[in-house]
Amino acid sequence: MNSSSKGLMERNCLRALLAPALVVFFLASVPYAAPQSAADNYNHKCAVCHGKDGSGNTAQGKKAHIKDVHANMKDSEDDMIKVVTDGKGDDMDSYKGQFTAAQIKDLVDYYRSLGQK
């Protein structure tokens, strides 16, 4: 075996040994975002307008004329899911890109549960 073949073989062996270590290092450096509960997502994204209790009794809620969920349960679950998914005019952003369909349904279920308390 000549010296150039030996050098190539050594470099290939080194790459084969380092590649898995680099993958582990990269994965360890990526922050892990644990899935949030519907209550956590609601409190983080929705409560600023809708209130932690669903009353809409917040500065932003009053400005946007948010209805109290305790008195407003006539909107269907499907209608609420559509509003959370697509947004509502200038008053409410779309959450289509931020939450999965399952998370949006869970948010709506959580919000509706506030009206039953």
PDB file of N, CA and C in Angstrom:
ATOM      1  N   MET A   1       0.851  -1.162   0.000  1.00  0.00           N
ATOM      2  CA  MET A   1       0.000   0.000   0.000  1.00  0.00           C
ATOM      3  C   MET A   1       0.898   1.226   0.000  1.00  0.00           C
ATOM      4  N   ASN A   2       0.612   2.170  -0.912  1.00  0.00           N
ATOM      5  CA  ASN A   2       1.444   3.364  -0.974  1.00  0.00           C
ATOM      6  C   ASN A   2       0.960   4.378   0.075  1.00  0.00           C
ATOM      7  N   SER A   3       1.723   5.427   0.271  1.00  0.00           N
ATOM      8  CA  SER A   3       1.438   6.383   1.337  1.00  0.00           C
ATOM      9  C   SER A   3       0.161   7.181   1.075  1.00  0.00           C
ATOM     10  N   SER A   4      -0.163   7.441  -0.184  1.00  0.00           N
ATOM     11  CA  SER A   4      -1.390   8.196  -0.463  1.00  0.00           C
ATOM     12  C   SER A   4      -2.627   7.347  -0.167  1.00  0.00           C
ATOM     13  N   SER A   5      -2.584   6.054  -0.453  1.00  0.00           N
ATOM     14  CA  SER A   5      -3.704   5.159  -0.143  1.00  0.00           C
ATOM     15  C   SER A   5      -3.877   5.032   1.365  1.00  0.00           C
ATOM     16  N   LYS A   6      -2.751   4.952   2.077  1.00  0.00           N
ATOM     17  CA  LYS A   6      -2.794   4.821   3.526  1.00  0.00           C
ATOM     18  C   LYS A   6      -3.380   6.095   4.145  1.00  0.00           C
ATOM     19  N   GLY A   7      -2.995   7.247   3.643  1.00  0.00           N
ATOM     20  CA  GLY A   7      -3.524   8.510   4.153  1.00  0.00           C
ATOM     21  C   GLY A   7      -5.025   8.634   3.914  1.00  0.00           C
ATOM     22  N   LEU A   8      -5.470   8.216   2.736  1.00  0.00           N
ATOM     23  CA  LEU A   8      -6.888   8.260   2.407  1.00  0.00           C
ATOM     24  C   LEU A   8      -7.672   7.335   3.334  1.00  0.00           C
ATOM     25  N   MET A   9      -7.135   6.152   3.595  1.00  0.00           N
ATOM     26  CA  MET A   9      -7.784   5.207   4.469  1.00  0.00           C
ATOM     27  C   MET A   9      -7.871   5.770   5.892  1.00  0.00           C
ATOM     28  N   GLU A  10      -6.810   6.419   6.369  1.00  0.00           N
ATOM     29  CA  GLU A  10      -6.816   7.004   7.710  1.00  0.00           C
ATOM     30  C   GLU A  10      -7.862   8.123   7.817  1.00  0.00           C
ATOM     31  N   ARG A  11      -7.957   8.965   6.780  1.00  0.00           N
ATOM     32  CA  ARG A  11      -8.949  10.047   6.796  1.00  0.00           C
ATOM     33  C   ARG A  11     -10.371   9.489   6.803  1.00  0.00           C
ATOM     34  N   ASN A  12     -10.613   8.450   6.026  1.00  0.00           N
ATOM     35  CA  ASN A  12     -11.941   7.830   5.989  1.00  0.00           C
ATOM     36  C   ASN A  12     -12.294   7.214   7.339  1.00  0.00           C
ATOM     37  N   CYS A  13     -11.332   6.583   7.983  1.00  0.00           N
ATOM     38  CA  CYS A  13     -11.560   5.998   9.309  1.00  0.00           C
ATOM     39  C   CYS A  13     -11.866   7.099  10.326  1.00  0.00           C
ATOM     40  N   LEU A  14     -11.122   8.187  10.253  1.00  0.00           N
ATOM     41  CA  LEU A  14     -11.335   9.303  11.163  1.00  0.00           C
ATOM     42  C   LEU A  14     -12.739   9.898  10.971  1.00  0.00           C
ATOM     43  N   ARG A  15     -13.139  10.071   9.725  1.00  0.00           N
ATOM     44  CA  ARG A  15     -14.496  10.582   9.444  1.00  0.00           C
ATOM     45  C   ARG A  15     -15.557   9.639   9.996  1.00  0.00           C
ATOM     46  N   ALA A  16     -15.350   8.347   9.816  1.00  0.00           N
ATOM     47  CA  ALA A  16     -16.321   7.363  10.289  1.00  0.00           C
ATOM     48  C   ALA A  16     -16.445   7.399  11.810  1.00  0.00           C
ATOM     49  N   LEU A  17     -15.349   7.691  12.492  1.00  0.00           N
ATOM     50  CA  LEU A  17     -15.378   7.767  13.949  1.00  0.00           C
ATOM     51  C   LEU A  17     -15.952   9.089  14.447  1.00  0.00           C
ATOM     52  N   LEU A  18     -15.682  10.170  13.750  1.00  0.00           N
ATOM     53  CA  LEU A  18     -16.124  11.490  14.193  1.00  0.00           C
ATOM     54  C   LEU A  18     -17.575  11.799  13.848  1.00  0.00           C
ATOM     55  N   ALA A  19     -18.086  11.258  12.765  1.00  0.00           N
ATOM     56  CA  ALA A  19     -19.443  11.586  12.319  1.00  0.00           C
ATOM     57  C   ALA A  19     -20.495  11.330  13.405  1.00  0.00           C
ATOM     58  N   PRO A  20     -20.540  10.162  14.029  1.00  0.00           N
ATOM     59  CA  PRO A  20     -21.549   9.959  15.084  1.00  0.00           C
ATOM     60  C   PRO A  20     -21.370  10.913  16.262  1.00  0.00           C
ATOM     61  N   ALA A  21     -20.138  11.218  16.613  1.00  0.00           N
ATOM     62  CA  ALA A  21     -19.884  12.141  17.719  1.00  0.00           C
ATOM     63  C   ALA A  21     -20.405  13.533  17.386  1.00  0.00           C
ATOM     64  N   LEU A  22     -20.240  13.960  16.154  1.00  0.00           N
ATOM     65  CA  LEU A  22     -20.744  15.270  15.745  1.00  0.00           C
ATOM     66  C   LEU A  22     -22.267  15.311  15.774  1.00  0.00           C
ATOM     67  N   VAL A  23     -22.901  14.234  15.367  1.00  0.00           N
ATOM     68  CA  VAL A  23     -24.367  14.166  15.406  1.00  0.00           C
ATOM     69  C   VAL A  23     -24.855  14.277  16.844  1.00  0.00           C
ATOM     70  N   VAL A  24     -24.254  13.530  17.747  1.00  0.00           N
ATOM     71  CA  VAL A  24     -24.633  13.585  19.165  1.00  0.00           C
ATOM     72  C   VAL A  24     -24.411  14.984  19.714  1.00  0.00           C
ATOM     73  N   PHE A  25     -23.283  15.593  19.401  1.00  0.00           N
ATOM     74  CA  PHE A  25     -22.994  16.945  19.862  1.00  0.00           C
ATOM     75  C   PHE A  25     -24.044  17.919  19.335  1.00  0.00           C
ATOM     76  N   PHE A  26     -24.396  17.823  18.062  1.00  0.00           N
ATOM     77  CA  PHE A  26     -25.388  18.717  17.472  1.00  0.00           C
ATOM     78  C   PHE A  26     -26.740  18.541  18.140  1.00  0.00           C
ATOM     79  N   LEU A  27     -27.189  17.304  18.306  1.00  0.00           N
ATOM     80  CA  LEU A  27     -28.493  17.059  18.924  1.00  0.00           C
ATOM     81  C   LEU A  27     -28.532  17.529  20.369  1.00  0.00           C
ATOM     82  N   ALA A  28     -27.432  17.408  21.067  1.00  0.00           N
ATOM     83  CA  ALA A  28     -27.379  17.859  22.454  1.00  0.00           C
ATOM     84  C   ALA A  28     -27.437  19.381  22.548  1.00  0.00           C
ATOM     85  N   SER A  29     -27.024  20.071  21.503  1.00  0.00           N
ATOM     86  CA  SER A  29     -27.015  21.533  21.549  1.00  0.00           C
ATOM     87  C   SER A  29     -28.329  22.148  21.081  1.00  0.00           C
ATOM     88  N   VAL A  30     -29.244  21.353  20.500  1.00  0.00           N
ATOM     89  CA  VAL A  30     -30.534  21.865  20.044  1.00  0.00           C
ATOM     90  C   VAL A  30     -31.476  21.909  21.241  1.00  0.00           C
ATOM     91  N   PRO A  31     -32.068  23.075  21.527  1.00  0.00           N
ATOM     92  CA  PRO A  31     -32.966  23.147  22.680  1.00  0.00           C
ATOM     93  C   PRO A  31     -34.214  22.296  22.453  1.00  0.00           C
ATOM     94  N   TYR A  32     -34.635  21.626  23.488  1.00  0.00           N
ATOM     95  CA  TYR A  32     -35.825  20.782  23.418  1.00  0.00           C
ATOM     96  C   TYR A  32     -37.012  21.572  23.942  1.00  0.00           C
ATOM     97  N   ALA A  33     -38.037  21.692  23.138  1.00  0.00           N
ATOM     98  CA  ALA A  33     -39.250  22.373  23.558  1.00  0.00           C
ATOM     99  C   ALA A  33     -40.296  21.311  23.896  1.00  0.00           C
ATOM    100  N   ALA A  34     -40.537  21.155  25.163  1.00  0.00           N
ATOM    101  CA  ALA A  34     -41.504  20.164  25.601  1.00  0.00           C
ATOM    102  C   ALA A  34     -42.902  20.580  25.154  1.00  0.00           C
ATOM    103  N   PRO A  35     -43.721  19.614  24.783  1.00  0.00           N
ATOM    104  CA  PRO A  35     -45.096  19.949  24.417  1.00  0.00           C
ATOM    105  C   PRO A  35     -45.794  20.627  25.587  1.00  0.00           C
ATOM    106  N   GLN A  36     -46.550  21.662  25.287  1.00  0.00           N
ATOM    107  CA  GLN A  36     -47.250  22.407  26.323  1.00  0.00           C
ATOM    108  C   GLN A  36     -48.679  21.891  26.443  1.00  0.00           C
ATOM    109  N   SER A  37     -49.229  22.006  27.636  1.00  0.00           N
ATOM    110  CA  SER A  37     -50.623  21.625  27.832  1.00  0.00           C
ATOM    111  C   SER A  37     -51.517  22.714  27.236  1.00  0.00           C
ATOM    112  N   ALA A  38     -52.781  22.393  27.050  1.00  0.00           N
ATOM    113  CA  ALA A  38     -53.739  23.377  26.535  1.00  0.00           C
ATOM    114  C   ALA A  38     -53.818  24.569  27.480  1.00  0.00           C
ATOM    115  N   ALA A  39     -53.771  24.313  28.789  1.00  0.00           N
ATOM    116  CA  ALA A  39     -53.826  25.412  29.765  1.00  0.00           C
ATOM    117  C   ALA A  39     -52.600  26.317  29.624  1.00  0.00           C
ATOM    118  N   ASP A  40     -51.424  25.714  29.455  1.00  0.00           N
ATOM    119  CA  ASP A  40     -50.201  26.510  29.269  1.00  0.00           C
ATOM    120  C   ASP A  40     -50.289  27.349  28.003  1.00  0.00           C
ATOM    121  N   ASN A  41     -50.717  26.728  26.899  1.00  0.00           N
ATOM    122  CA  ASN A  41     -50.843  27.459  25.637  1.00  0.00           C
ATOM    123  C   ASN A  41     -51.880  28.576  25.754  1.00  0.00           C
ATOM    124  N   TYR A  42     -53.004  28.291  26.403  1.00  0.00           N
ATOM    125  CA  TYR A  42     -54.048  29.301  26.598  1.00  0.00           C
ATOM    126  C   TYR A  42     -53.496  30.474  27.407  1.00  0.00           C
ATOM    127  N   ASN A  43     -52.864  30.172  28.519  1.00  0.00           N
ATOM    128  CA  ASN A  43     -52.342  31.240  29.384  1.00  0.00           C
ATOM    129  C   ASN A  43     -51.258  32.056  28.688  1.00  0.00           C
ATOM    130  N   HIS A  44     -50.498  31.416  27.810  1.00  0.00           N
ATOM    131  CA  HIS A  44     -49.413  32.104  27.102  1.00  0.00           C
ATOM    132  C   HIS A  44     -49.928  32.944  25.944  1.00  0.00           C
ATOM    133  N   LYS A  45     -50.899  32.454  25.198  1.00  0.00           N
ATOM    134  CA  LYS A  45     -51.332  33.125  23.966  1.00  0.00           C
ATOM    135  C   LYS A  45     -52.697  33.802  24.068  1.00  0.00           C
ATOM    136  N   CYS A  46     -53.607  33.260  24.854  1.00  0.00           N
ATOM    137  CA  CYS A  46     -55.008  33.696  24.797  1.00  0.00           C
ATOM    138  C   CYS A  46     -55.442  34.568  25.979  1.00  0.00           C
ATOM    139  N   ALA A  47     -54.874  34.296  27.143  1.00  0.00           N
ATOM    140  CA  ALA A  47     -55.350  34.957  28.363  1.00  0.00           C
ATOM    141  C   ALA A  47     -55.172  36.471  28.342  1.00  0.00           C
ATOM    142  N   VAL A  48     -54.230  36.983  27.573  1.00  0.00           N
ATOM    143  CA  VAL A  48     -54.016  38.432  27.526  1.00  0.00           C
ATOM    144  C   VAL A  48     -55.284  39.147  27.057  1.00  0.00           C
ATOM    145  N   CYS A  49     -56.058  38.522  26.199  1.00  0.00           N
ATOM    146  CA  CYS A  49     -57.328  39.109  25.741  1.00  0.00           C
ATOM    147  C   CYS A  49     -58.534  38.465  26.425  1.00  0.00           C
ATOM    148  N   HIS A  50     -58.537  37.146  26.475  1.00  0.00           N
ATOM    149  CA  HIS A  50     -59.707  36.422  26.981  1.00  0.00           C
ATOM    150  C   HIS A  50     -59.728  36.301  28.495  1.00  0.00           C
ATOM    151  N   GLY A  51     -58.620  36.623  29.158  1.00  0.00           N
ATOM    152  CA  GLY A  51     -58.537  36.501  30.614  1.00  0.00           C
ATOM    153  C   GLY A  51     -58.279  35.067  31.028  1.00  0.00           C
ATOM    154  N   LYS A  52     -57.604  34.904  32.147  1.00  0.00           N
ATOM    155  CA  LYS A  52     -57.302  33.545  32.625  1.00  0.00           C
ATOM    156  C   LYS A  52     -58.565  32.755  32.919  1.00  0.00           C
ATOM    157  N   ASP A  53     -59.635  33.468  33.269  1.00  0.00           N
ATOM    158  CA  ASP A  53     -60.903  32.809  33.584  1.00  0.00           C
ATOM    159  C   ASP A  53     -61.881  32.792  32.416  1.00  0.00           C
ATOM    160  N   GLY A  54     -61.491  33.341  31.256  1.00  0.00           N
ATOM    161  CA  GLY A  54     -62.355  33.361  30.083  1.00  0.00           C
ATOM    162  C   GLY A  54     -63.361  34.499  30.061  1.00  0.00           C
ATOM    163  N   SER A  55     -63.254  35.412  31.023  1.00  0.00           N
ATOM    164  CA  SER A  55     -64.236  36.497  31.130  1.00  0.00           C
ATOM    165  C   SER A  55     -64.048  37.593  30.085  1.00  0.00           C
ATOM    166  N   GLY A  56     -62.851  37.681  29.505  1.00  0.00           N
ATOM    167  CA  GLY A  56     -62.566  38.777  28.578  1.00  0.00           C
ATOM    168  C   GLY A  56     -62.363  40.095  29.289  1.00  0.00           C
ATOM    169  N   ASN A  57     -62.289  40.053  30.604  1.00  0.00           N
ATOM    170  CA  ASN A  57     -62.170  41.256  31.423  1.00  0.00           C
ATOM    171  C   ASN A  57     -60.701  41.664  31.582  1.00  0.00           C
ATOM    172  N   THR A  58     -60.087  42.000  30.445  1.00  0.00           N
ATOM    173  CA  THR A  58     -58.710  42.487  30.410  1.00  0.00           C
ATOM    174  C   THR A  58     -58.708  43.753  29.559  1.00  0.00           C
ATOM    175  N   ALA A  59     -57.638  44.517  29.625  1.00  0.00           N
ATOM    176  CA  ALA A  59     -57.556  45.741  28.814  1.00  0.00           C
ATOM    177  C   ALA A  59     -57.711  45.412  27.330  1.00  0.00           C
ATOM    178  N   GLN A  60     -56.983  44.403  26.867  1.00  0.00           N
ATOM    179  CA  GLN A  60     -57.074  43.995  25.458  1.00  0.00           C
ATOM    180  C   GLN A  60     -58.454  43.409  25.143  1.00  0.00           C
ATOM    181  N   GLY A  61     -59.006  42.653  26.080  1.00  0.00           N
ATOM    182  CA  GLY A  61     -60.318  42.047  25.877  1.00  0.00           C
ATOM    183  C   GLY A  61     -61.411  43.090  25.747  1.00  0.00           C
ATOM    184  N   LYS A  62     -61.337  44.127  26.574  1.00  0.00           N
ATOM    185  CA  LYS A  62     -62.328  45.207  26.493  1.00  0.00           C
ATOM    186  C   LYS A  62     -62.189  45.968  25.180  1.00  0.00           C
ATOM    187  N   LYS A  63     -60.962  46.200  24.771  1.00  0.00           N
ATOM    188  CA  LYS A  63     -60.704  46.918  23.514  1.00  0.00           C
ATOM    189  C   LYS A  63     -61.257  46.148  22.315  1.00  0.00           C
ATOM    190  N   ALA A  64     -61.131  44.828  22.347  1.00  0.00           N
ATOM    191  CA  ALA A  64     -61.587  43.988  21.237  1.00  0.00           C
ATOM    192  C   ALA A  64     -63.031  43.498  21.432  1.00  0.00           C
ATOM    193  N   HIS A  65     -63.680  43.928  22.513  1.00  0.00           N
ATOM    194  CA  HIS A  65     -65.066  43.532  22.807  1.00  0.00           C
ATOM    195  C   HIS A  65     -65.213  42.012  22.905  1.00  0.00           C
ATOM    196  N   ILE A  66     -64.293  41.389  23.640  1.00  0.00           N
ATOM    197  CA  ILE A  66     -64.326  39.939  23.848  1.00  0.00           C
ATOM    198  C   ILE A  66     -65.520  39.590  24.729  1.00  0.00           C
ATOM    199  N   LYS A  67     -66.261  38.571  24.320  1.00  0.00           N
ATOM    200  CA  LYS A  67     -67.414  38.120  25.099  1.00  0.00           C
ATOM    201  C   LYS A  67     -66.949  37.189  26.213  1.00  0.00           C
ATOM    202  N   ASP A  68     -67.648  37.245  27.330  1.00  0.00           N
ATOM    203  CA  ASP A  68     -67.382  36.353  28.458  1.00  0.00           C
ATOM    204  C   ASP A  68     -67.805  34.940  28.059  1.00  0.00           C
ATOM    205  N   VAL A  69     -66.895  33.993  28.144  1.00  0.00           N
ATOM    206  CA  VAL A  69     -67.194  32.611  27.750  1.00  0.00           C
ATOM    207  C   VAL A  69     -68.290  32.007  28.621  1.00  0.00           C
ATOM    208  N   HIS A  70     -68.454  32.520  29.859  1.00  0.00           N
ATOM    209  CA  HIS A  70     -69.482  31.983  30.761  1.00  0.00           C
ATOM    210  C   HIS A  70     -70.889  32.298  30.239  1.00  0.00           C
ATOM    211  N   ALA A  71     -71.024  33.399  29.506  1.00  0.00           N
ATOM    212  CA  ALA A  71     -72.320  33.809  28.973  1.00  0.00           C
ATOM    213  C   ALA A  71     -72.450  33.514  27.488  1.00  0.00           C
ATOM    214  N   ASN A  72     -71.371  33.131  26.845  1.00  0.00           N
ATOM    215  CA  ASN A  72     -71.387  32.948  25.394  1.00  0.00           C
ATOM    216  C   ASN A  72     -70.939  31.541  25.017  1.00  0.00           C
ATOM    217  N   MET A  73     -71.832  30.595  25.166  1.00  0.00           N
ATOM    218  CA  MET A  73     -71.506  29.224  24.763  1.00  0.00           C
ATOM    219  C   MET A  73     -72.314  28.817  23.537  1.00  0.00           C
ATOM    220  N   LYS A  74     -72.866  29.807  22.819  1.00  0.00           N
ATOM    221  CA  LYS A  74     -73.672  29.456  21.644  1.00  0.00           C
ATOM    222  C   LYS A  74     -72.827  29.175  20.405  1.00  0.00           C
ATOM    223  N   ASP A  75     -71.579  29.653  20.371  1.00  0.00           N
ATOM    224  CA  ASP A  75     -70.700  29.333  19.244  1.00  0.00           C
ATOM    225  C   ASP A  75     -70.338  27.852  19.313  1.00  0.00           C
ATOM    226  N   SER A  76     -70.414  27.169  18.183  1.00  0.00           N
ATOM    227  CA  SER A  76     -70.089  25.739  18.173  1.00  0.00           C
ATOM    228  C   SER A  76     -68.579  25.539  18.308  1.00  0.00           C
ATOM    229  N   GLU A  77     -68.225  24.338  18.685  1.00  0.00           N
ATOM    230  CA  GLU A  77     -66.813  23.987  18.786  1.00  0.00           C
ATOM    231  C   GLU A  77     -66.130  24.178  17.432  1.00  0.00           C
ATOM    232  N   ASP A  78     -66.789  23.747  16.363  1.00  0.00           N
ATOM    233  CA  ASP A  78     -66.214  23.886  15.018  1.00  0.00           C
ATOM    234  C   ASP A  78     -66.000  25.351  14.645  1.00  0.00           C
ATOM    235  N   ASP A  79     -66.966  26.221  15.001  1.00  0.00           N
ATOM    236  CA  ASP A  79     -66.815  27.652  14.721  1.00  0.00           C
ATOM    237  C   ASP A  79     -65.629  28.234  15.486  1.00  0.00           C
ATOM    238  N   MET A  80     -65.479  27.827  16.734  1.00  0.00           N
ATOM    239  CA  MET A  80     -64.367  28.328  17.552  1.00  0.00           C
ATOM    240  C   MET A  80     -63.028  27.833  17.002  1.00  0.00           C
ATOM    241  N   ILE A  81     -62.991  26.583  16.584  1.00  0.00           N
ATOM    242  CA  ILE A  81     -61.757  26.028  16.004  1.00  0.00           C
ATOM    243  C   ILE A  81     -61.381  26.815  14.751  1.00  0.00           C
ATOM    244  N   LYS A  82     -62.365  27.163  13.948  1.00  0.00           N
ATOM    245  CA  LYS A  82     -62.108  27.938  12.728  1.00  0.00           C
ATOM    246  C   LYS A  82     -61.539  29.310  13.068  1.00  0.00           C
ATOM    247  N   VAL A  83     -62.086  29.971  14.083  1.00  0.00           N
ATOM    248  CA  VAL A  83     -61.596  31.295  14.472  1.00  0.00           C
ATOM    249  C   VAL A  83     -60.150  31.203  14.982  1.00  0.00           C
ATOM    250  N   VAL A  84     -59.866  30.219  15.820  1.00  0.00           N
ATOM    251  CA  VAL A  84     -58.501  30.071  16.343  1.00  0.00           C
ATOM    252  C   VAL A  84     -57.538  29.729  15.209  1.00  0.00           C
ATOM    253  N   THR A  85     -57.976  28.898  14.290  1.00  0.00           N
ATOM    254  CA  THR A  85     -57.130  28.490  13.179  1.00  0.00           C
ATOM    255  C   THR A  85     -56.868  29.642  12.212  1.00  0.00           C
ATOM    256  N   ASP A  86     -57.929  30.340  11.815  1.00  0.00           N
ATOM    257  CA  ASP A  86     -57.818  31.359  10.771  1.00  0.00           C
ATOM    258  C   ASP A  86     -57.690  32.790  11.282  1.00  0.00           C
ATOM    259  N   GLY A  87     -57.987  33.016  12.556  1.00  0.00           N
ATOM    260  CA  GLY A  87     -57.969  34.371  13.093  1.00  0.00           C
ATOM    261  C   GLY A  87     -59.308  35.044  12.859  1.00  0.00           C
ATOM    262  N   LYS A  88     -59.411  36.279  13.357  1.00  0.00           N
ATOM    263  CA  LYS A  88     -60.671  37.014  13.227  1.00  0.00           C
ATOM    264  C   LYS A  88     -60.353  38.487  13.044  1.00  0.00           C
ATOM    265  N   GLY A  89     -60.293  38.900  11.787  1.00  0.00           N
ATOM    266  CA  GLY A  89     -60.033  40.304  11.479  1.00  0.00           C
ATOM    267  C   GLY A  89     -58.736  40.793  12.096  1.00  0.00           C
ATOM    268  N   ASP A  90     -58.772  42.030  12.583  1.00  0.00           N
ATOM    269  CA  ASP A  90     -57.594  42.621  13.224  1.00  0.00           C
ATOM    270  C   ASP A  90     -57.499  42.262  14.696  1.00  0.00           C
ATOM    271  N   ASP A  91     -58.577  41.689  15.247  1.00  0.00           N
ATOM    272  CA  ASP A  91     -58.626  41.441  16.688  1.00  0.00           C
ATOM    273  C   ASP A  91     -57.943  40.157  17.135  1.00  0.00           C
ATOM    274  N   MET A  92     -57.861  39.176  16.235  1.00  0.00           N
ATOM    275  CA  MET A  92     -57.278  37.900  16.655  1.00  0.00           C
ATOM    276  C   MET A  92     -56.431  37.325  15.537  1.00  0.00           C
ATOM    277  N   ASP A  93     -55.207  36.972  15.899  1.00  0.00           N
ATOM    278  CA  ASP A  93     -54.276  36.373  14.942  1.00  0.00           C
ATOM    279  C   ASP A  93     -54.669  34.937  14.627  1.00  0.00           C
ATOM    280  N   SER A  94     -54.206  34.464  13.489  1.00  0.00           N
ATOM    281  CA  SER A  94     -54.338  33.060  13.123  1.00  0.00           C
ATOM    282  C   SER A  94     -53.263  32.268  13.872  1.00  0.00           C
ATOM    283  N   TYR A  95     -53.642  31.114  14.375  1.00  0.00           N
ATOM    284  CA  TYR A  95     -52.672  30.258  15.069  1.00  0.00           C
ATOM    285  C   TYR A  95     -52.368  28.997  14.268  1.00  0.00           C
ATOM    286  N   LYS A  96     -52.727  29.027  12.983  1.00  0.00           N
ATOM    287  CA  LYS A  96     -52.520  27.860  12.109  1.00  0.00           C
ATOM    288  C   LYS A  96     -51.055  27.423  12.087  1.00  0.00           C
ATOM    289  N   GLY A  97     -50.122  28.331  11.999  1.00  0.00           N
ATOM    290  CA  GLY A  97     -48.717  27.973  11.920  1.00  0.00           C
ATOM    291  C   GLY A  97     -48.054  27.742  13.267  1.00  0.00           C
ATOM    292  N   GLN A  98     -48.725  28.148  14.337  1.00  0.00           N
ATOM    293  CA  GLN A  98     -48.116  28.018  15.666  1.00  0.00           C
ATOM    294  C   GLN A  98     -48.535  26.766  16.411  1.00  0.00           C
ATOM    295  N   PHE A  99     -49.748  26.282  16.113  1.00  0.00           N
ATOM    296  CA  PHE A  99     -50.273  25.104  16.800  1.00  0.00           C
ATOM    297  C   PHE A  99     -50.761  24.088  15.777  1.00  0.00           C
ATOM    298  N   THR A 100     -50.691  22.838  16.137  1.00  0.00           N
ATOM    299  CA  THR A 100     -51.252  21.789  15.293  1.00  0.00           C
ATOM    300  C   THR A 100     -52.776  21.822  15.415  1.00  0.00           C
ATOM    301  N   ALA A 101     -53.448  21.124  14.532  1.00  0.00           N
ATOM    302  CA  ALA A 101     -54.915  21.047  14.601  1.00  0.00           C
ATOM    303  C   ALA A 101     -55.357  20.456  15.944  1.00  0.00           C
ATOM    304  N   ALA A 102     -54.633  19.458  16.430  1.00  0.00           N
ATOM    305  CA  ALA A 102     -54.974  18.842  17.722  1.00  0.00           C
ATOM    306  C   ALA A 102     -54.789  19.835  18.870  1.00  0.00           C
ATOM    307  N   GLN A 103     -53.726  20.634  18.824  1.00  0.00           N
ATOM    308  CA  GLN A 103     -53.499  21.632  19.871  1.00  0.00           C
ATOM    309  C   GLN A 103     -54.579  22.711  19.836  1.00  0.00           C
ATOM    310  N   ILE A 104     -55.007  23.098  18.645  1.00  0.00           N
ATOM    311  CA  ILE A 104     -56.068  24.099  18.526  1.00  0.00           C
ATOM    312  C   ILE A 104     -57.373  23.553  19.101  1.00  0.00           C
ATOM    313  N   LYS A 105     -57.689  22.301  18.793  1.00  0.00           N
ATOM    314  CA  LYS A 105     -58.894  21.689  19.370  1.00  0.00           C
ATOM    315  C   LYS A 105     -58.789  21.652  20.886  1.00  0.00           C
ATOM    316  N   ASP A 106     -57.620  21.301  21.407  1.00  0.00           N
ATOM    317  CA  ASP A 106     -57.418  21.275  22.857  1.00  0.00           C
ATOM    318  C   ASP A 106     -57.575  22.670  23.465  1.00  0.00           C
ATOM    319  N   LEU A 107     -57.077  23.705  22.774  1.00  0.00           N
ATOM    320  CA  LEU A 107     -57.252  25.081  23.243  1.00  0.00           C
ATOM    321  C   LEU A 107     -58.730  25.443  23.332  1.00  0.00           C
ATOM    322  N   VAL A 108     -59.470  25.121  22.297  1.00  0.00           N
ATOM    323  CA  VAL A 108     -60.908  25.408  22.275  1.00  0.00           C
ATOM    324  C   VAL A 108     -61.612  24.633  23.389  1.00  0.00           C
ATOM    325  N   ASP A 109     -61.280  23.372  23.553  1.00  0.00           N
ATOM    326  CA  ASP A 109     -61.881  22.577  24.629  1.00  0.00           C
ATOM    327  C   ASP A 109     -61.577  23.195  25.985  1.00  0.00           C
ATOM    328  N   TYR A 110     -60.334  23.630  26.170  1.00  0.00           N
ATOM    329  CA  TYR A 110     -59.955  24.256  27.444  1.00  0.00           C
ATOM    330  C   TYR A 110     -60.752  25.536  27.662  1.00  0.00           C
ATOM    331  N   TYR A 111     -60.820  26.380  26.631  1.00  0.00           N
ATOM    332  CA  TYR A 111     -61.560  27.642  26.724  1.00  0.00           C
ATOM    333  C   TYR A 111     -63.028  27.376  27.044  1.00  0.00           C
ATOM    334  N   ARG A 112     -63.613  26.418  26.355  1.00  0.00           N
ATOM    335  CA  ARG A 112     -65.025  26.096  26.608  1.00  0.00           C
ATOM    336  C   ARG A 112     -65.216  25.553  28.025  1.00  0.00           C
ATOM    337  N   SER A 113     -64.226  24.854  28.555  1.00  0.00           N
ATOM    338  CA  SER A 113     -64.343  24.336  29.918  1.00  0.00           C
ATOM    339  C   SER A 113     -64.367  25.464  30.944  1.00  0.00           C
ATOM    340  N   LEU A 114     -63.750  26.584  30.607  1.00  0.00           N
ATOM    341  CA  LEU A 114     -63.780  27.742  31.517  1.00  0.00           C
ATOM    342  C   LEU A 114     -65.208  28.258  31.676  1.00  0.00           C
ATOM    343  N   GLY A 115     -66.006  28.131  30.633  1.00  0.00           N
ATOM    344  CA  GLY A 115     -67.400  28.574  30.685  1.00  0.00           C
ATOM    345  C   GLY A 115     -68.291  27.690  31.533  1.00  0.00           C
ATOM    346  N   GLN A 116     -67.802  26.523  31.861  1.00  0.00           N
ATOM    347  CA  GLN A 116     -68.596  25.595  32.676  1.00  0.00           C
ATOM    348  C   GLN A 116     -68.248  25.679  34.147  1.00  0.00           C
ATOM    349  N   LYS A 117     -67.286  26.526  34.492  1.00  0.00           N
ATOM    350  CA  LYS A 117     -66.867  26.649  35.902  1.00  0.00           C
ATOM    351  C   LYS A 117     -67.651  27.717  36.608  1.00  0.00           C
TER     352      LYS A 117
END
